[in-house]
PDB file of N, CA and C in Angstrom:
ATOM      1  N   MET A   1      27.103 -61.258  -2.543  1.00  0.00           N
ATOM      2  CA  MET A   1      26.682 -60.792  -3.409  1.00  0.00           C
ATOM      3  C   MET A   1      25.504 -60.742  -2.925  1.00  0.00           C
ATOM      4  N   ALA A   2      24.643 -59.418  -3.159  1.00  0.00           N
ATOM      5  CA  ALA A   2      23.745 -58.793  -2.649  1.00  0.00           C
ATOM      6  C   ALA A   2      21.830 -59.845  -2.694  1.00  0.00           C
ATOM      7  N   ALA A   3      21.114 -60.114  -1.627  1.00  0.00           N
ATOM      8  CA  ALA A   3      20.505 -60.324  -1.063  1.00  0.00           C
ATOM      9  C   ALA A   3      19.274 -60.457  -1.997  1.00  0.00           C
ATOM     10  N   LYS A   4      18.666 -61.490  -2.821  1.00  0.00           N
ATOM     11  CA  LYS A   4      18.000 -60.947  -3.851  1.00  0.00           C
ATOM     12  C   LYS A   4      16.345 -60.647  -3.304  1.00  0.00           C
ATOM     13  N   ALA A   5      16.008 -59.266  -4.088  1.00  0.00           N
ATOM     14  CA  ALA A   5      14.211 -58.644  -3.364  1.00  0.00           C
ATOM     15  C   ALA A   5      13.590 -59.778  -3.429  1.00  0.00           C
ATOM     16  N   SER A   6      12.314 -59.547  -2.055  1.00  0.00           N
ATOM     17  CA  SER A   6      11.136 -60.165  -2.293  1.00  0.00           C
ATOM     18  C   SER A   6      10.270 -59.512  -2.925  1.00  0.00           C
ATOM     19  N   PRO A   7       9.728 -60.208  -3.737  1.00  0.00           N
ATOM     20  CA  PRO A   7       8.315 -59.975  -4.985  1.00  0.00           C
ATOM     21  C   PRO A   7       7.673 -59.457  -3.597  1.00  0.00           C
ATOM     22  N   SER A   8       7.241 -58.583  -4.204  1.00  0.00           N
ATOM     23  CA  SER A   8       6.125 -57.750  -3.998  1.00  0.00           C
ATOM     24  C   SER A   8       5.293 -56.889  -5.331  1.00  0.00           C
ATOM     25  N   HIS A   9       4.152 -56.225  -4.548  1.00  0.00           N
ATOM     26  CA  HIS A   9       3.156 -55.538  -5.069  1.00  0.00           C
ATOM     27  C   HIS A   9       3.087 -54.348  -4.317  1.00  0.00           C
ATOM     28  N   ILE A  10       2.934 -52.643  -5.488  1.00  0.00           N
ATOM     29  CA  ILE A  10       1.451 -51.626  -4.437  1.00  0.00           C
ATOM     30  C   ILE A  10       0.808 -51.418  -5.265  1.00  0.00           C
ATOM     31  N   LEU A  11       0.113 -51.400  -4.548  1.00  0.00           N
ATOM     32  CA  LEU A  11      -1.683 -51.458  -5.247  1.00  0.00           C
ATOM     33  C   LEU A  11      -1.814 -49.824  -6.008  1.00  0.00           C
ATOM     34  N   THR A  12      -2.328 -50.293  -7.027  1.00  0.00           N
ATOM     35  CA  THR A  12      -2.535 -48.703  -7.531  1.00  0.00           C
ATOM     36  C   THR A  12      -3.861 -47.923  -8.416  1.00  0.00           C
ATOM     37  N   ASP A  13      -4.475 -49.514  -7.885  1.00  0.00           N
ATOM     38  CA  ASP A  13      -5.817 -48.120  -7.551  1.00  0.00           C
ATOM     39  C   ASP A  13      -6.753 -47.860  -7.024  1.00  0.00           C
ATOM     40  N   GLU A  14      -6.116 -46.536  -7.409  1.00  0.00           N
ATOM     41  CA  GLU A  14      -6.563 -45.169  -6.129  1.00  0.00           C
ATOM     42  C   GLU A  14      -7.862 -45.337  -5.704  1.00  0.00           C
ATOM     43  N   GLU A  15      -9.389 -45.618  -6.391  1.00  0.00           N
ATOM     44  CA  GLU A  15     -10.630 -46.486  -5.154  1.00  0.00           C
ATOM     45  C   GLU A  15     -10.222 -47.115  -4.769  1.00  0.00           C
ATOM     46  N   GLN A  16      -9.449 -47.989  -5.079  1.00  0.00           N
ATOM     47  CA  GLN A  16      -9.347 -49.130  -3.719  1.00  0.00           C
ATOM     48  C   GLN A  16      -9.168 -48.873  -2.682  1.00  0.00           C
ATOM     49  N   LEU A  17      -7.259 -48.315  -3.060  1.00  0.00           N
ATOM     50  CA  LEU A  17      -7.091 -47.521  -1.530  1.00  0.00           C
ATOM     51  C   LEU A  17      -7.615 -46.796  -1.189  1.00  0.00           C
ATOM     52  N   ALA A  18      -8.588 -45.143  -2.185  1.00  0.00           N
ATOM     53  CA  ALA A  18      -9.487 -44.782  -1.062  1.00  0.00           C
ATOM     54  C   ALA A  18     -10.062 -45.289  -0.404  1.00  0.00           C
ATOM     55  N   ALA A  19     -10.574 -46.571  -0.428  1.00  0.00           N
ATOM     56  CA  ALA A  19     -12.002 -47.108  -0.058  1.00  0.00           C
ATOM     57  C   ALA A  19     -11.070 -47.586   1.284  1.00  0.00           C
ATOM     58  N   ILE A  20      -9.612 -47.845   1.064  1.00  0.00           N
ATOM     59  CA  ILE A  20      -8.878 -49.023   2.659  1.00  0.00           C
ATOM     60  C   ILE A  20      -8.108 -48.322   3.406  1.00  0.00           C
ATOM     61  N   ILE A  21      -7.730 -46.580   2.912  1.00  0.00           N
ATOM     62  CA  ILE A  21      -7.312 -45.609   3.540  1.00  0.00           C
ATOM     63  C   ILE A  21      -8.911 -44.827   4.711  1.00  0.00           C
ATOM     64  N   LYS A  22      -9.658 -45.464   4.122  1.00  0.00           N
ATOM     65  CA  LYS A  22     -11.144 -44.895   4.761  1.00  0.00           C
ATOM     66  C   LYS A  22     -11.504 -45.543   5.564  1.00  0.00           C
ATOM     67  N   ARG A  23     -11.313 -46.967   5.100  1.00  0.00           N
ATOM     68  CA  ARG A  23     -11.814 -48.088   6.640  1.00  0.00           C
ATOM     69  C   ARG A  23     -10.517 -48.112   8.066  1.00  0.00           C
ATOM     70  N   VAL A  24      -9.592 -47.727   6.791  1.00  0.00           N
ATOM     71  CA  VAL A  24      -8.156 -47.648   8.357  1.00  0.00           C
ATOM     72  C   VAL A  24      -7.824 -46.429   9.313  1.00  0.00           C
ATOM     73  N   ASN A  25      -8.713 -45.727   8.764  1.00  0.00           N
ATOM     74  CA  ASN A  25      -9.333 -44.305   9.324  1.00  0.00           C
ATOM     75  C   ASN A  25     -10.098 -44.262  10.618  1.00  0.00           C
ATOM     76  N   ARG A  26     -11.494 -45.359  10.218  1.00  0.00           N
ATOM     77  CA  ARG A  26     -12.297 -45.743  11.166  1.00  0.00           C
ATOM     78  C   ARG A  26     -12.619 -46.240  11.981  1.00  0.00           C
ATOM     79  N   ALA A  27     -11.177 -47.574  11.295  1.00  0.00           N
ATOM     80  CA  ALA A  27     -11.162 -48.248  12.667  1.00  0.00           C
ATOM     81  C   ALA A  27     -10.222 -47.056  13.937  1.00  0.00           C
ATOM     82  N   GLN A  28      -9.589 -46.641  13.293  1.00  0.00           N
ATOM     83  CA  GLN A  28      -8.434 -45.596  14.149  1.00  0.00           C
ATOM     84  C   GLN A  28      -9.129 -45.190  14.740  1.00  0.00           C
ATOM     85  N   GLY A  29     -10.050 -44.059  14.775  1.00  0.00           N
ATOM     86  CA  GLY A  29     -11.521 -43.340  15.043  1.00  0.00           C
ATOM     87  C   GLY A  29     -12.252 -44.922  16.869  1.00  0.00           C
ATOM     88  N   GLN A  30     -12.492 -45.801  16.144  1.00  0.00           N
ATOM     89  CA  GLN A  30     -13.442 -47.192  16.263  1.00  0.00           C
ATOM     90  C   GLN A  30     -11.642 -47.106  17.421  1.00  0.00           C
ATOM     91  N   LEU A  31     -11.230 -47.631  17.374  1.00  0.00           N
ATOM     92  CA  LEU A  31      -9.695 -47.810  18.657  1.00  0.00           C
ATOM     93  C   LEU A  31      -9.744 -46.681  19.188  1.00  0.00           C
ATOM     94  N   GLY A  32      -9.368 -45.386  19.424  1.00  0.00           N
ATOM     95  CA  GLY A  32      -9.590 -44.436  20.134  1.00  0.00           C
ATOM     96  C   GLY A  32     -10.793 -44.131  21.005  1.00  0.00           C
ATOM     97  N   ALA A  33     -12.024 -44.962  20.764  1.00  0.00           N
ATOM     98  CA  ALA A  33     -13.312 -44.547  21.300  1.00  0.00           C
ATOM     99  C   ALA A  33     -13.050 -46.019  22.289  1.00  0.00           C
ATOM    100  N   VAL A  34     -12.335 -46.794  21.856  1.00  0.00           N
ATOM    101  CA  VAL A  34     -12.190 -47.837  22.887  1.00  0.00           C
ATOM    102  C   VAL A  34     -11.208 -47.654  24.192  1.00  0.00           C
ATOM    103  N   ALA A  35     -10.291 -46.923  23.493  1.00  0.00           N
ATOM    104  CA  ALA A  35      -9.111 -46.211  24.953  1.00  0.00           C
ATOM    105  C   ALA A  35     -10.183 -45.344  25.719  1.00  0.00           C
ATOM    106  N   ARG A  36     -11.098 -44.293  25.209  1.00  0.00           N
ATOM    107  CA  ARG A  36     -11.652 -43.921  26.198  1.00  0.00           C
ATOM    108  C   ARG A  36     -12.290 -45.084  27.417  1.00  0.00           C
ATOM    109  N   MET A  37     -13.411 -45.871  26.460  1.00  0.00           N
ATOM    110  CA  MET A  37     -14.580 -46.189  27.240  1.00  0.00           C
ATOM    111  C   MET A  37     -13.677 -47.091  28.639  1.00  0.00           C
ATOM    112  N   LEU A  38     -12.261 -47.793  28.082  1.00  0.00           N
ATOM    113  CA  LEU A  38     -11.430 -48.357  29.047  1.00  0.00           C
ATOM    114  C   LEU A  38     -11.415 -47.126  29.851  1.00  0.00           C
ATOM    115  N   GLU A  39     -10.361 -46.000  30.110  1.00  0.00           N
ATOM    116  CA  GLU A  39     -10.341 -45.002  30.675  1.00  0.00           C
ATOM    117  C   GLU A  39     -11.889 -44.691  31.991  1.00  0.00           C
ATOM    118  N   GLU A  40     -12.619 -45.144  30.574  1.00  0.00           N
ATOM    119  CA  GLU A  40     -14.518 -44.199  31.092  1.00  0.00           C
ATOM    120  C   GLU A  40     -14.535 -45.208  32.891  1.00  0.00           C
ATOM    121  N   GLY A  41     -14.238 -46.647  32.643  1.00  0.00           N
ATOM    122  CA  GLY A  41     -14.888 -47.509  33.027  1.00  0.00           C
ATOM    123  C   GLY A  41     -15.746 -48.473  32.480  1.00  0.00           C
ATOM    124  N   ARG A  42     -15.874 -47.966  31.181  1.00  0.00           N
ATOM    125  CA  ARG A  42     -17.163 -48.956  30.597  1.00  0.00           C
ATOM    126  C   ARG A  42     -17.589 -50.332  30.530  1.00  0.00           C
ATOM    127  N   ASN A  43     -18.047 -51.036  30.546  1.00  0.00           N
ATOM    128  CA  ASN A  43     -18.853 -51.818  30.888  1.00  0.00           C
ATOM    129  C   ASN A  43     -18.064 -52.532  29.729  1.00  0.00           C
ATOM    130  N   CYS A  44     -17.697 -54.439  30.315  1.00  0.00           N
ATOM    131  CA  CYS A  44     -16.947 -55.334  29.520  1.00  0.00           C
ATOM    132  C   CYS A  44     -17.855 -54.927  28.431  1.00  0.00           C
ATOM    133  N   GLU A  45     -18.846 -55.811  28.078  1.00  0.00           N
ATOM    134  CA  GLU A  45     -19.574 -55.574  26.596  1.00  0.00           C
ATOM    135  C   GLU A  45     -19.432 -54.914  25.822  1.00  0.00           C
ATOM    136  N   ASP A  46     -19.895 -53.176  25.600  1.00  0.00           N
ATOM    137  CA  ASP A  46     -19.834 -52.403  25.836  1.00  0.00           C
ATOM    138  C   ASP A  46     -18.277 -52.277  24.620  1.00  0.00           C
ATOM    139  N   ILE A  47     -17.347 -52.407  25.285  1.00  0.00           N
ATOM    140  CA  ILE A  47     -16.142 -52.088  24.981  1.00  0.00           C
ATOM    141  C   ILE A  47     -15.203 -54.037  23.700  1.00  0.00           C
ATOM    142  N   VAL A  48     -15.592 -54.368  24.138  1.00  0.00           N
ATOM    143  CA  VAL A  48     -14.952 -55.573  23.041  1.00  0.00           C
ATOM    144  C   VAL A  48     -16.531 -54.888  22.145  1.00  0.00           C
ATOM    145  N   MET A  49     -17.249 -55.034  22.509  1.00  0.00           N
ATOM    146  CA  MET A  49     -17.691 -54.934  20.366  1.00  0.00           C
ATOM    147  C   MET A  49     -17.766 -53.829  19.949  1.00  0.00           C
ATOM    148  N   GLN A  50     -16.548 -52.643  20.644  1.00  0.00           N
ATOM    149  CA  GLN A  50     -16.364 -51.820  20.097  1.00  0.00           C
ATOM    150  C   GLN A  50     -14.887 -52.107  19.484  1.00  0.00           C
ATOM    151  N   MET A  51     -14.218 -53.066  20.352  1.00  0.00           N
ATOM    152  CA  MET A  51     -12.693 -53.711  19.726  1.00  0.00           C
ATOM    153  C   MET A  51     -13.323 -54.814  19.043  1.00  0.00           C
ATOM    154  N   SER A  52     -14.297 -55.747  18.068  1.00  0.00           N
ATOM    155  CA  SER A  52     -14.546 -56.278  17.797  1.00  0.00           C
ATOM    156  C   SER A  52     -15.165 -55.727  16.189  1.00  0.00           C
ATOM    157  N   ALA A  53     -15.725 -54.309  16.327  1.00  0.00           N
ATOM    158  CA  ALA A  53     -15.603 -53.331  14.977  1.00  0.00           C
ATOM    159  C   ALA A  53     -14.399 -53.160  14.251  1.00  0.00           C
ATOM    160  N   VAL A  54     -13.691 -52.833  15.583  1.00  0.00           N
ATOM    161  CA  VAL A  54     -12.326 -52.441  15.145  1.00  0.00           C
ATOM    162  C   VAL A  54     -11.385 -53.775  14.143  1.00  0.00           C
ATOM    163  N   SER A  55     -11.408 -54.833  15.177  1.00  0.00           N
ATOM    164  CA  SER A  55     -10.513 -56.482  14.268  1.00  0.00           C
ATOM    165  C   SER A  55     -11.608 -56.714  12.798  1.00  0.00           C
ATOM    166  N   LYS A  56     -12.915 -55.698  12.556  1.00  0.00           N
ATOM    167  CA  LYS A  56     -13.613 -56.300  11.504  1.00  0.00           C
ATOM    168  C   LYS A  56     -13.258 -55.383  10.069  1.00  0.00           C
ATOM    169  N   ALA A  57     -12.887 -53.825  10.972  1.00  0.00           N
ATOM    170  CA  ALA A  57     -12.548 -52.991   9.682  1.00  0.00           C
ATOM    171  C   ALA A  57     -11.096 -53.159   9.176  1.00  0.00           C
ATOM    172  N   ILE A  58      -9.985 -53.951  10.015  1.00  0.00           N
ATOM    173  CA  ILE A  58      -9.409 -53.798   9.898  1.00  0.00           C
ATOM    174  C   ILE A  58      -9.118 -54.854   8.737  1.00  0.00           C
ATOM    175  N   ASN A  59      -9.701 -56.424   9.492  1.00  0.00           N
ATOM    176  CA  ASN A  59      -9.583 -57.216   8.696  1.00  0.00           C
ATOM    177  C   ASN A  59      -9.366 -56.415   6.751  1.00  0.00           C
ATOM    178  N   THR A  60     -10.918 -55.938   7.079  1.00  0.00           N
ATOM    179  CA  THR A  60     -11.778 -56.565   5.905  1.00  0.00           C
ATOM    180  C   THR A  60     -10.789 -55.473   4.907  1.00  0.00           C
ATOM    181  N   ALA A  61     -10.160 -54.207   5.470  1.00  0.00           N
ATOM    182  CA  ALA A  61      -8.677 -53.408   4.543  1.00  0.00           C
ATOM    183  C   ALA A  61      -8.196 -54.673   4.138  1.00  0.00           C
ATOM    184  N   ALA A  62      -7.403 -55.219   5.287  1.00  0.00           N
ATOM    185  CA  ALA A  62      -6.464 -56.010   4.644  1.00  0.00           C
ATOM    186  C   ALA A  62      -6.912 -56.996   3.645  1.00  0.00           C
ATOM    187  N   PHE A  63      -8.113 -57.375   3.189  1.00  0.00           N
ATOM    188  CA  PHE A  63      -8.584 -57.923   2.749  1.00  0.00           C
ATOM    189  C   PHE A  63      -9.101 -57.616   1.649  1.00  0.00           C
ATOM    190  N   THR A  64      -9.224 -56.888   1.372  1.00  0.00           N
ATOM    191  CA  THR A  64      -9.455 -56.233   0.172  1.00  0.00           C
ATOM    192  C   THR A  64      -7.875 -55.583  -0.242  1.00  0.00           C
ATOM    193  N   LEU A  65      -7.276 -54.594   0.358  1.00  0.00           N
ATOM    194  CA  LEU A  65      -5.341 -54.876  -0.272  1.00  0.00           C
ATOM    195  C   LEU A  65      -5.403 -55.973  -0.770  1.00  0.00           C
ATOM    196  N   ILE A  66      -4.849 -57.042  -0.699  1.00  0.00           N
ATOM    197  CA  ILE A  66      -4.872 -58.803  -0.746  1.00  0.00           C
ATOM    198  C   ILE A  66      -5.591 -58.686  -2.609  1.00  0.00           C
ATOM    199  N   SER A  67      -6.534 -59.117  -2.305  1.00  0.00           N
ATOM    200  CA  SER A  67      -7.308 -59.741  -3.213  1.00  0.00           C
ATOM    201  C   SER A  67      -7.173 -57.815  -4.268  1.00  0.00           C
ATOM    202  N   SER A  68      -7.895 -56.884  -3.999  1.00  0.00           N
ATOM    203  CA  SER A  68      -6.907 -55.983  -5.012  1.00  0.00           C
ATOM    204  C   SER A  68      -5.362 -55.792  -5.677  1.00  0.00           C
ATOM    205  N   SER A  69      -5.288 -56.022  -4.999  1.00  0.00           N
ATOM    206  CA  SER A  69      -3.229 -55.926  -5.333  1.00  0.00           C
ATOM    207  C   SER A  69      -3.115 -57.649  -6.471  1.00  0.00           C
ATOM    208  N   LEU A  70      -3.505 -58.583  -5.960  1.00  0.00           N
ATOM    209  CA  LEU A  70      -4.053 -60.185  -6.867  1.00  0.00           C
ATOM    210  C   LEU A  70      -4.618 -59.672  -7.776  1.00  0.00           C
ATOM    211  N   LYS A  71      -5.597 -58.973  -7.900  1.00  0.00           N
ATOM    212  CA  LYS A  71      -5.564 -59.161  -9.434  1.00  0.00           C
ATOM    213  C   LYS A  71      -5.549 -58.256 -10.229  1.00  0.00           C
ATOM    214  N   GLU A  72      -4.522 -56.612  -9.703  1.00  0.00           N
ATOM    215  CA  GLU A  72      -3.485 -55.988 -10.100  1.00  0.00           C
ATOM    216  C   GLU A  72      -2.397 -56.750 -10.520  1.00  0.00           C
ATOM    217  N   CYS A  73      -1.936 -58.056 -10.177  1.00  0.00           N
ATOM    218  CA  CYS A  73      -0.802 -58.655 -10.545  1.00  0.00           C
ATOM    219  C   CYS A  73      -1.035 -59.537 -11.808  1.00  0.00           C
ATOM    220  N   LEU A  74      -2.515 -60.172 -11.172  1.00  0.00           N
ATOM    221  CA  LEU A  74      -2.866 -61.118 -12.186  1.00  0.00           C
ATOM    222  C   LEU A  74      -3.327 -60.907 -13.773  1.00  0.00           C
ATOM    223  N   LEU A  75      -3.346 -59.203 -13.845  1.00  0.00           N
ATOM    224  CA  LEU A  75      -4.279 -58.364 -14.909  1.00  0.00           C
ATOM    225  C   LEU A  75      -2.665 -57.588 -15.941  1.00  0.00           C
ATOM    226  N   GLU A  76      -1.759 -57.636 -14.893  1.00  0.00           N
ATOM    227  CA  GLU A  76      -0.904 -56.480 -15.262  1.00  0.00           C
ATOM    228  C   GLU A  76       0.804 -57.848 -15.375  1.00  0.00           C
ATOM    229  N   GLY A  77       0.615 -59.369 -15.739  1.00  0.00           N
ATOM    230  CA  GLY A  77       0.748 -60.205 -16.198  1.00  0.00           C
ATOM    231  C   GLY A  77       2.779 -59.653 -16.256  1.00  0.00           C
ATOM    232  N   LYS A  78       2.871 -59.337 -14.930  1.00  0.00           N
ATOM    233  CA  LYS A  78       4.861 -59.503 -15.214  1.00  0.00           C
ATOM    234  C   LYS A  78       5.124 -60.166 -14.670  1.00  0.00           C
ATOM    235  N   GLN A  79       6.729 -60.093 -14.989  1.00  0.00           N
ATOM    236  CA  GLN A  79       7.022 -61.339 -14.945  1.00  0.00           C
ATOM    237  C   GLN A  79       6.805 -62.258 -13.381  1.00  0.00           C
ATOM    238  N   ASN A  80       7.407 -61.040 -13.001  1.00  0.00           N
ATOM    239  CA  ASN A  80       6.329 -61.935 -11.299  1.00  0.00           C
ATOM    240  C   ASN A  80       5.470 -62.223 -10.583  1.00  0.00           C
ATOM    241  N   SER A  81       4.760 -62.096 -11.826  1.00  0.00           N
ATOM    242  CA  SER A  81       3.653 -62.628 -11.127  1.00  0.00           C
ATOM    243  C   SER A  81       2.975 -63.762 -10.712  1.00  0.00           C
ATOM    244  N   GLU A  82       3.842 -64.648 -10.684  1.00  0.00           N
ATOM    245  CA  GLU A  82       3.449 -66.331 -10.032  1.00  0.00           C
ATOM    246  C   GLU A  82       4.022 -65.513  -7.948  1.00  0.00           C
ATOM    247  N   ALA A  83       4.956 -64.796  -8.085  1.00  0.00           N
ATOM    248  CA  ALA A  83       5.505 -65.225  -7.055  1.00  0.00           C
ATOM    249  C   ALA A  83       5.387 -64.307  -5.893  1.00  0.00           C
ATOM    250  N   VAL A  84       4.414 -62.824  -7.176  1.00  0.00           N
ATOM    251  CA  VAL A  84       3.779 -62.115  -5.665  1.00  0.00           C
ATOM    252  C   VAL A  84       2.689 -62.779  -5.265  1.00  0.00           C
ATOM    253  N   SER A  85       2.171 -63.052  -6.854  1.00  0.00           N
ATOM    254  CA  SER A  85       0.650 -64.665  -6.138  1.00  0.00           C
ATOM    255  C   SER A  85       0.521 -65.262  -4.774  1.00  0.00           C
ATOM    256  N   GLN A  86       2.141 -65.733  -4.541  1.00  0.00           N
ATOM    257  CA  GLN A  86       2.252 -67.061  -3.892  1.00  0.00           C
ATOM    258  C   GLN A  86       2.389 -65.994  -2.290  1.00  0.00           C
ATOM    259  N   LYS A  87       3.169 -65.117  -2.639  1.00  0.00           N
ATOM    260  CA  LYS A  87       3.359 -64.078  -1.529  1.00  0.00           C
ATOM    261  C   LYS A  87       1.975 -63.390  -0.565  1.00  0.00           C
ATOM    262  N   LEU A  88       0.953 -63.009  -1.889  1.00  0.00           N
ATOM    263  CA  LEU A  88      -0.354 -62.608  -1.499  1.00  0.00           C
ATOM    264  C   LEU A  88      -1.214 -63.665  -0.551  1.00  0.00           C
ATOM    265  N   GLN A  89      -0.651 -64.761  -0.965  1.00  0.00           N
ATOM    266  CA  GLN A  89      -1.968 -66.304  -0.713  1.00  0.00           C
ATOM    267  C   GLN A  89      -1.230 -66.501   0.541  1.00  0.00           C
ATOM    268  N   LYS A  90       0.014 -66.707   0.852  1.00  0.00           N
ATOM    269  CA  LYS A  90       0.142 -66.055   2.205  1.00  0.00           C
ATOM    270  C   LYS A  90       0.026 -65.204   3.371  1.00  0.00           C
ATOM    271  N   LEU A  91       0.058 -63.901   2.698  1.00  0.00           N
ATOM    272  CA  LEU A  91      -1.031 -62.834   3.197  1.00  0.00           C
ATOM    273  C   LEU A  91      -1.837 -63.359   4.061  1.00  0.00           C
ATOM    274  N   PHE A  92      -2.673 -63.730   2.823  1.00  0.00           N
ATOM    275  CA  PHE A  92      -4.476 -64.206   2.944  1.00  0.00           C
ATOM    276  C   PHE A  92      -4.332 -64.341   4.095  1.00  0.00           C
ATOM    277  N   LEU A  93      -4.376 -66.259   3.822  1.00  0.00           N
ATOM    278  CA  LEU A  93      -4.123 -66.790   4.657  1.00  0.00           C
ATOM    279  C   LEU A  93      -3.201 -66.639   6.542  1.00  0.00           C
ATOM    280  N   SER A  94      -2.598 -65.829   6.257  1.00  0.00           N
ATOM    281  CA  SER A  94      -2.302 -65.261   7.734  1.00  0.00           C
ATOM    282  C   SER A  94      -3.097 -64.807   8.670  1.00  0.00           C
ATOM    283  N   LEU A  95      -3.986 -64.361   7.632  1.00  0.00           N
ATOM    284  CA  LEU A  95      -4.956 -63.422   7.837  1.00  0.00           C
ATOM    285  C   LEU A  95      -6.888 -64.212   8.406  1.00  0.00           C
ATOM    286  N   ALA A  96      -6.835 -65.419   7.767  1.00  0.00           N
ATOM    287  CA  ALA A  96      -7.956 -66.264   7.972  1.00  0.00           C
ATOM    288  C   ALA A  96      -7.519 -67.321   8.973  1.00  0.00           C
TER     289      ALA A  96
END
């Protein structure tokens, strides 16, 4: 017997996708800066501040992805929208 596929959603809002990708790319650059700062022996405070910026950027991207997906899911009214909504809520709580 085949396993039942887990409910999922793929974000289709191109504007939101672009914003999320931009934020992730920015975080990637910030993370590279953290590595350079560590290699250069920069002070702890500066490094932690940069790490905080990376964390905020990633969390904002994740929250945006979840909220945009939830909005699409509810608006589309698909048969599995309730299951997908519950899964997205769990993802949201995993970030909190």
